[in-house]
Every structure is written in structure tokens, then in C-alpha cells.
């Protein structure tokens, strides 16, 4: 494979990765909208479409492996391919968490929320902001934007701690509502994990540009 063909193939894989990012983030927003609006049909549709994002990630994996086997990439190209593999895997997991939120939405059903979900909404907005920001940073190869992700992750972690604490206190006051409290706690955890995945991808971008590993969680 010529160098020009290799670069064109790599660019094409990166474009597929960006499509995967859009799919996963859109699905996360859709699942949370279904939760807030108690749209059970929308939640069921999200679960049914689970395989779409899986197939997108598998396609990226196959193409990256093909590039690795056809040409021995130089150090920078090798890092880029490794980063694409890892970032695609994490974005696929965002899609998985979106499906998990949809499943919890179905379990809650149309019962009224036993508490305000405003903090959950704030968490989801912040997490999706992080995910979109890291995608922009990835396109621009902007390490400054990538480093800002850590600060946003701290905010999500604080919201998560506050919401879980509130739900635990509520469980002792309203033991009859423990099932819904449990579903909401799971949803909190899924959103917090999505923010962590955005942080992971920020670390991959820093590795790509700097050639060394960074831990943005410290």
C-alpha cells in the first residue's frame, strides 16, 4: 500500500470514528429524553437499535487492523491507529450506557418520579457537553480543550456524589420506593461513567500529540 493510499485510508477511518461519536452521543441524549418524558416507546426503540453502534465500532476495528497488517506504520501513525481503536471502544460503551438508561426507563415506566431529577438532568447535560467537547478537540487535535475535560469530570463526580447521597437518604424515608431509587441510582452511575469515558478519550488525544501517557483523573 502506497503512503498516499495509507493516509487516505486512515483519514476515512477517522471519519467513521466521528460518525460513531455522533451516533453514541445522540443515542445518550435520546435515552435521557425518553427518561425525562417517560417515553417508553422511544426507550424500547433505543434498546432495539443497540446493534447499530456495535456494528460501527466493529467496522472501525476491522479497518484499523487491516491497516496495521498491510503497512508497518511509523510511530505517529501507530499511535493514531491505537488511539482510534481505544477511542472507538469507549464511544461504543457510551452507546451501551445509553441502552442501559433506556432499560431503566422501561423499568420505571410511567410512574411519577419520587424526587426531583433536575440534578440528573444537569449531570447528563454536563456529560454530553464533555463528550462533544472531546470530539471537537479530537478533530482539531486541541490539547487545551482535552485538558479542560478533567475539570468538567470533577463537576460530574460532585453531582454524582450529591445525587447518590440524596437517593440513599430517600431510601430510608421511603422504603416502598426502593425499586425506583435503585433504577435512578443506576442511571446516575451510567452518566458518571460516560463522563469518565470522555476523560479517557482526552487522555488518548494527549498521548497522540505528546507521545506520553497522562492521567487526567488525578
Protein backbone atom coordinates (compact mmCIF):
# COMPACT_ATOMS: atom_id res chain seq x y z
CA UNK A 1 0.00 0.00 0.00
CA UNK A 2 1.40 3.41 -1.01
CA UNK A 3 1.91 6.12 1.59
CA UNK A 4 -0.79 8.25 -0.08
CA UNK A 5 -3.28 5.37 -0.02
CA UNK A 6 -2.43 4.66 3.61
CA UNK A 7 -3.07 8.29 4.61
CA UNK A 8 -6.36 8.33 2.70
CA UNK A 9 -7.47 5.12 4.40
CA UNK A 10 -6.54 6.49 7.81
CA UNK A 11 -8.50 9.68 7.12
CA UNK A 12 -11.50 7.59 6.12
CA UNK A 13 -11.29 5.57 9.36
CA UNK A 14 -11.16 8.80 11.35
CA UNK A 15 -14.32 9.97 9.59
CA UNK A 16 -16.01 6.69 10.52
CA UNK A 17 -14.94 7.28 14.11
CA UNK A 18 -16.54 10.73 14.13
CA UNK A 19 -19.77 9.20 12.80
CA UNK A 20 -19.65 6.67 15.63
CA UNK A 21 -19.20 9.52 18.11
CA UNK A 22 -22.27 11.30 16.77
CA UNK A 23 -24.29 8.07 16.91
CA UNK A 24 -23.34 7.35 20.51
CA UNK A 25 -23.81 10.87 21.87
CA UNK A 26 -27.11 11.28 20.03
CA UNK A 27 -28.27 7.96 21.49
CA UNK A 28 -27.31 9.09 25.00
CA UNK A 29 -29.34 12.28 24.59
CA UNK A 30 -32.27 10.31 23.16
CA UNK A 31 -32.26 7.88 26.08
CA UNK A 32 -32.23 10.64 28.65
CA UNK A 33 -35.02 12.48 26.84
CA UNK A 34 -37.05 9.24 26.92
CA UNK A 35 -36.46 9.01 30.67
CA UNK A 36 -37.49 12.60 31.43
CA UNK A 37 -40.53 12.42 29.16
CA UNK A 38 -41.42 8.88 30.27
CA UNK A 39 -41.49 7.92 26.60
CA UNK A 40 -41.46 4.14 26.94
CA UNK A 41 -41.83 3.57 23.18
CA UNK A 42 -38.73 5.69 22.49
CA UNK A 43 -36.80 3.78 25.17
CA UNK A 44 -37.82 0.45 23.64
CA UNK A 45 -36.69 1.68 20.22
CA UNK A 46 -33.27 2.60 21.63
CA UNK A 47 -32.86 -0.91 23.01
CA UNK A 48 -33.88 -2.45 19.66
CA UNK A 49 -31.26 -0.35 17.81
CA UNK A 50 -28.42 -1.40 20.10
CA UNK A 51 -26.57 -3.34 17.41
CA UNK A 52 -26.17 -0.29 15.11
CA UNK A 53 -23.42 1.26 17.23
CA UNK A 54 -21.81 -2.14 17.85
CA UNK A 55 -21.53 -2.69 14.09
CA UNK A 56 -20.00 0.76 13.60
CA UNK A 57 -17.30 0.04 16.17
CA UNK A 58 -16.61 -3.41 14.72
CA UNK A 59 -16.16 -1.84 11.27
CA UNK A 60 -13.58 0.60 12.64
CA UNK A 61 -11.73 -2.23 14.41
CA UNK A 62 -11.59 -4.29 11.22
CA UNK A 63 -10.27 -1.36 9.17
CA UNK A 64 -7.62 -0.42 11.72
CA UNK A 65 -6.37 -4.00 11.97
CA UNK A 66 -6.21 -4.18 8.16
CA UNK A 67 -4.11 -1.01 8.07
CA UNK A 68 -1.78 -2.40 10.74
CA UNK A 69 -1.26 -5.63 8.82
CA UNK A 70 -0.84 -4.06 5.38
CA UNK A 71 1.75 -1.47 6.33
CA UNK A 72 4.16 -1.07 9.22
CA UNK A 73 3.18 2.43 10.35
CA UNK A 74 5.70 4.93 11.68
CA UNK A 75 5.47 5.85 15.38
CA UNK A 76 2.99 8.72 14.99
CA UNK A 77 0.70 6.74 12.68
CA UNK A 78 0.87 3.74 15.01
CA UNK A 79 -0.19 5.92 17.94
CA UNK A 80 -3.07 7.31 15.89
CA UNK A 81 -4.33 3.86 14.99
CA UNK A 82 -4.08 2.64 18.58
CA UNK A 83 -5.92 5.76 19.78
CA UNK A 84 -8.67 5.22 17.20
CA UNK A 85 -9.14 1.63 18.41
CA UNK A 86 -9.35 2.63 22.06
CA UNK A 87 -11.49 5.73 21.50
CA UNK A 88 -13.92 3.80 19.28
CA UNK A 89 -14.27 1.17 22.01
CA UNK A 90 -15.07 3.84 24.60
CA UNK A 91 -17.59 5.56 22.34
CA UNK A 92 -19.29 2.22 21.76
CA UNK A 93 -19.57 1.91 25.55
CA UNK A 94 -21.30 5.32 25.65
CA UNK A 95 -23.87 3.74 23.33
CA UNK A 96 -24.14 0.78 25.72
CA UNK A 97 -24.80 3.11 28.65
CA UNK A 98 -27.48 4.87 26.60
CA UNK A 99 -29.18 1.49 26.14
CA UNK A 100 -28.84 0.79 29.87
CA UNK A 101 -30.55 4.11 30.66
CA UNK A 102 -33.34 3.18 28.24
CA UNK A 103 -33.78 -0.17 30.04
CA UNK A 104 -34.03 1.57 33.42
CA UNK A 105 -36.57 3.97 31.87
CA UNK A 106 -38.69 1.00 30.83
CA UNK A 107 -38.47 -0.41 34.39
CA UNK A 108 -39.55 2.91 35.92
CA UNK A 109 -42.40 3.07 33.43
CA UNK A 110 -44.87 5.91 33.70
CA UNK A 111 -44.81 6.09 37.48
CA UNK A 112 -44.11 9.63 38.71
CA UNK A 113 -40.57 10.32 39.87
CA UNK A 114 -40.33 10.12 43.65
CA UNK A 115 -37.89 13.03 43.69
CA UNK A 116 -36.67 15.86 41.50
CA UNK A 117 -34.47 14.69 38.64
CA UNK A 118 -33.06 18.16 38.00
CA UNK A 119 -29.60 17.15 39.22
CA UNK A 120 -29.72 14.12 36.92
CA UNK A 121 -30.56 16.43 34.03
CA UNK A 122 -27.59 18.64 34.91
CA UNK A 123 -25.33 15.60 35.05
CA UNK A 124 -26.44 14.41 31.64
CA UNK A 125 -26.03 17.85 30.09
CA UNK A 126 -22.52 18.10 31.53
CA UNK A 127 -21.58 14.60 30.37
CA UNK A 128 -22.81 15.20 26.82
CA UNK A 129 -21.01 18.56 26.83
CA UNK A 130 -17.81 16.71 27.74
CA UNK A 131 -18.32 14.14 25.01
CA UNK A 132 -18.99 16.75 22.33
CA UNK A 133 -16.04 18.84 23.51
CA UNK A 134 -13.64 15.92 23.30
CA UNK A 135 -14.89 15.09 19.80
CA UNK A 136 -14.21 18.71 18.77
CA UNK A 137 -10.80 18.53 20.44
CA UNK A 138 -10.09 15.30 18.57
CA UNK A 139 -10.94 16.89 15.22
CA UNK A 140 -8.83 19.97 15.98
CA UNK A 141 -6.16 17.95 17.84
CA UNK A 142 -6.56 20.63 20.51
CA UNK A 143 -4.81 19.55 23.71
CA UNK A 144 -6.04 22.59 25.65
CA UNK A 145 -9.66 21.53 25.12
CA UNK A 146 -8.70 17.98 26.07
CA UNK A 147 -7.21 19.10 29.39
CA UNK A 148 -10.36 21.09 30.23
CA UNK A 149 -12.27 17.80 30.25
CA UNK A 150 -10.75 16.88 33.64
CA UNK A 151 -12.31 19.91 35.32
CA UNK A 152 -15.71 19.08 33.86
CA UNK A 153 -15.33 15.48 35.05
CA UNK A 154 -14.76 16.73 38.61
CA UNK A 155 -18.07 18.61 38.36
CA UNK A 156 -19.90 15.48 37.22
CA UNK A 157 -18.29 13.46 40.04
CA UNK A 158 -19.53 16.01 42.57
CA UNK A 159 -23.06 15.92 41.12
CA UNK A 160 -22.94 12.12 41.20
CA UNK A 161 -21.94 12.07 44.86
CA UNK A 162 -24.68 14.53 45.77
CA UNK A 163 -27.38 12.64 43.87
CA UNK A 164 -26.39 9.23 45.23
CA UNK A 165 -26.31 10.65 48.76
CA UNK A 166 -29.78 12.09 48.27
CA UNK A 167 -31.13 8.80 46.92
CA UNK A 168 -29.67 6.83 49.82
CA UNK A 169 -31.31 9.15 52.34
CA UNK A 170 -34.55 8.88 50.43
CA UNK A 171 -34.44 5.08 50.56
CA UNK A 172 -34.64 5.16 54.36
CA UNK A 173 -37.51 7.66 54.28
CA UNK A 174 -39.49 5.90 51.55
CA UNK A 175 -38.63 2.18 51.67
CA UNK A 176 -41.60 1.41 49.41
CA UNK A 177 -39.84 3.35 46.65
CA UNK A 178 -36.54 1.47 46.82
CA UNK A 179 -37.00 -0.12 43.34
CA UNK A 180 -37.25 3.26 41.60
CA UNK A 181 -34.47 4.67 43.79
CA UNK A 182 -32.28 1.78 42.63
CA UNK A 183 -33.11 2.43 38.96
CA UNK A 184 -32.27 6.13 39.35
CA UNK A 185 -29.00 5.27 41.12
CA UNK A 186 -28.03 3.03 38.20
CA UNK A 187 -28.81 5.85 35.76
CA UNK A 188 -26.59 8.19 37.81
CA UNK A 189 -23.78 5.67 37.55
CA UNK A 190 -24.18 5.28 33.78
CA UNK A 191 -23.99 9.05 33.26
CA UNK A 192 -20.94 9.31 35.52
CA UNK A 193 -19.26 6.54 33.53
CA UNK A 194 -19.95 8.38 30.26
CA UNK A 195 -18.10 11.39 31.69
CA UNK A 196 -15.21 9.10 32.64
CA UNK A 197 -15.10 7.79 29.07
CA UNK A 198 -14.83 11.36 27.76
CA UNK A 199 -11.87 11.79 30.10
CA UNK A 200 -10.31 8.59 28.76
CA UNK A 201 -10.52 9.90 25.19
CA UNK A 202 -8.97 13.19 26.31
CA UNK A 203 -6.04 11.17 27.67
CA UNK A 204 -5.74 9.31 24.36
CA UNK A 205 -5.57 12.61 22.47
CA UNK A 206 -2.81 13.88 24.77
CA UNK A 207 -0.95 10.61 24.21
CA UNK A 208 -1.36 11.03 20.46
CA UNK A 209 0.04 14.56 20.46
CA UNK A 210 2.65 14.29 23.23
CA UNK A 211 3.77 10.69 22.88
CA UNK A 212 3.36 10.04 26.61
CA UNK A 213 0.54 8.92 28.87
CA UNK A 214 -1.44 11.34 31.04
CA UNK A 215 -3.81 10.65 33.93
CA UNK A 216 -6.47 13.36 34.00
CA UNK A 217 -8.30 11.73 36.91
CA UNK A 218 -5.61 12.85 39.38
